[in-house]
Amino acid sequence: MMGHFMDIKETAEYLNVSVSWLYKNAQRSGLVIYRFGPGPNSKIRFRVSEVESWVKQQQVMSG
């Protein structure tokens, strides 16, 4: 079964960042973006499981 996806607004809310931050920094930060459809009207989606994995990788160990 294919993983569930979130749109850009849902992903921004999940990560507590702005939509504009996601547009500017998602790929640079290592988040995988999926585009559905051609051209400027394509839909941007993020796979939930990959976003959750990315969050875990951002943990900073203190010590």
C-alpha atoms as a PDB file:
ATOM      1  CA  MET A   1       0.000   0.000   0.000  1.00  0.00           C
ATOM      2  CA  MET A   2       1.283   3.437  -0.886  1.00  0.00           C
ATOM      3  CA  GLY A   3       2.018   5.797   2.009  1.00  0.00           C
ATOM      4  CA  HIS A   4      -0.273   8.616   2.985  1.00  0.00           C
ATOM      5  CA  PHE A   5       0.527  12.134   1.814  1.00  0.00           C
ATOM      6  CA  MET A   6       0.033  15.621   3.263  1.00  0.00           C
ATOM      7  CA  ASP A   7      -0.328  18.784   1.243  1.00  0.00           C
ATOM      8  CA  ILE A   8       1.970  21.720   1.889  1.00  0.00           C
ATOM      9  CA  LYS A   9      -0.370  23.416   4.381  1.00  0.00           C
ATOM     10  CA  GLU A  10      -0.853  20.229   6.401  1.00  0.00           C
ATOM     11  CA  THR A  11       2.899  19.627   6.412  1.00  0.00           C
ATOM     12  CA  ALA A  12       3.610  23.192   7.559  1.00  0.00           C
ATOM     13  CA  GLU A  13       1.117  22.810  10.405  1.00  0.00           C
ATOM     14  CA  TYR A  14       2.590  19.432  11.376  1.00  0.00           C
ATOM     15  CA  LEU A  15       6.115  20.891  11.481  1.00  0.00           C
ATOM     16  CA  ASN A  16       5.007  24.206  13.020  1.00  0.00           C
ATOM     17  CA  VAL A  17       6.644  26.195  10.213  1.00  0.00           C
ATOM     18  CA  SER A  18       5.220  28.556   7.617  1.00  0.00           C
ATOM     19  CA  VAL A  19       4.172  27.458   4.161  1.00  0.00           C
ATOM     20  CA  SER A  20       6.680  29.923   2.710  1.00  0.00           C
ATOM     21  CA  TRP A  21       9.472  28.294   4.775  1.00  0.00           C
ATOM     22  CA  LEU A  22       8.573  24.927   3.257  1.00  0.00           C
ATOM     23  CA  TYR A  23       8.606  26.306  -0.284  1.00  0.00           C
ATOM     24  CA  LYS A  24      12.028  27.895   0.286  1.00  0.00           C
ATOM     25  CA  ASN A  25      13.737  25.276   2.435  1.00  0.00           C
ATOM     26  CA  ALA A  26      12.132  21.846   2.112  1.00  0.00           C
ATOM     27  CA  GLN A  27      14.501  20.331  -0.443  1.00  0.00           C
ATOM     28  CA  ARG A  28      17.525  22.139   0.973  1.00  0.00           C
ATOM     29  CA  SER A  29      16.672  20.694   4.397  1.00  0.00           C
ATOM     30  CA  GLY A  30      16.337  17.160   3.100  1.00  0.00           C
ATOM     31  CA  LEU A  31      12.560  16.840   2.951  1.00  0.00           C
ATOM     32  CA  VAL A  32      11.434  14.872  -0.095  1.00  0.00           C
ATOM     33  CA  ILE A  33       8.851  16.667  -2.247  1.00  0.00           C
ATOM     34  CA  TYR A  34       6.427  14.875  -4.558  1.00  0.00           C
ATOM     35  CA  ARG A  35       4.830  16.763  -7.438  1.00  0.00           C
ATOM     36  CA  PHE A  36       1.595  15.471  -8.907  1.00  0.00           C
ATOM     37  CA  GLY A  37       0.647  16.918 -12.266  1.00  0.00           C
ATOM     38  CA  PRO A  38       2.498  18.964 -14.861  1.00  0.00           C
ATOM     39  CA  GLY A  39       3.709  22.555 -14.812  1.00  0.00           C
ATOM     40  CA  PRO A  40       2.924  25.359 -12.402  1.00  0.00           C
ATOM     41  CA  ASN A  41      -0.416  23.822 -11.413  1.00  0.00           C
ATOM     42  CA  SER A  42       1.201  20.679 -10.037  1.00  0.00           C
ATOM     43  CA  LYS A  43       0.282  19.659  -6.509  1.00  0.00           C
ATOM     44  CA  ILE A  44       3.087  19.443  -3.951  1.00  0.00           C
ATOM     45  CA  ARG A  45       2.814  16.632  -1.435  1.00  0.00           C
ATOM     46  CA  PHE A  46       4.939  15.161   1.338  1.00  0.00           C
ATOM     47  CA  ARG A  47       4.808  11.511   2.402  1.00  0.00           C
ATOM     48  CA  VAL A  48       3.811  11.350   6.089  1.00  0.00           C
ATOM     49  CA  SER A  49       6.272   8.571   6.954  1.00  0.00           C
ATOM     50  CA  GLU A  50       9.167  10.494   5.373  1.00  0.00           C
ATOM     51  CA  VAL A  51       8.275  13.698   7.212  1.00  0.00           C
ATOM     52  CA  GLU A  52       8.150  11.768  10.498  1.00  0.00           C
ATOM     53  CA  SER A  53      11.571  10.205   9.755  1.00  0.00           C
ATOM     54  CA  TRP A  54      12.983  13.621   8.862  1.00  0.00           C
ATOM     55  CA  VAL A  55      11.745  15.036  12.179  1.00  0.00           C
ATOM     56  CA  LYS A  56      13.508  12.265  14.097  1.00  0.00           C
ATOM     57  CA  GLN A  57      16.755  13.046  12.234  1.00  0.00           C
ATOM     58  CA  GLN A  58      16.583  16.684  13.365  1.00  0.00           C
ATOM     59  CA  GLN A  59      16.981  15.782  17.028  1.00  0.00           C
ATOM     60  CA  VAL A  60      19.934  17.482  18.658  1.00  0.00           C
ATOM     61  CA  MET A  61      21.637  15.525  21.405  1.00  0.00           C
ATOM     62  CA  SER A  62      22.657  17.554  24.415  1.00  0.00           C
ATOM     63  CA  GLY A  63      25.710  16.778  26.341  1.00  0.00           C
END
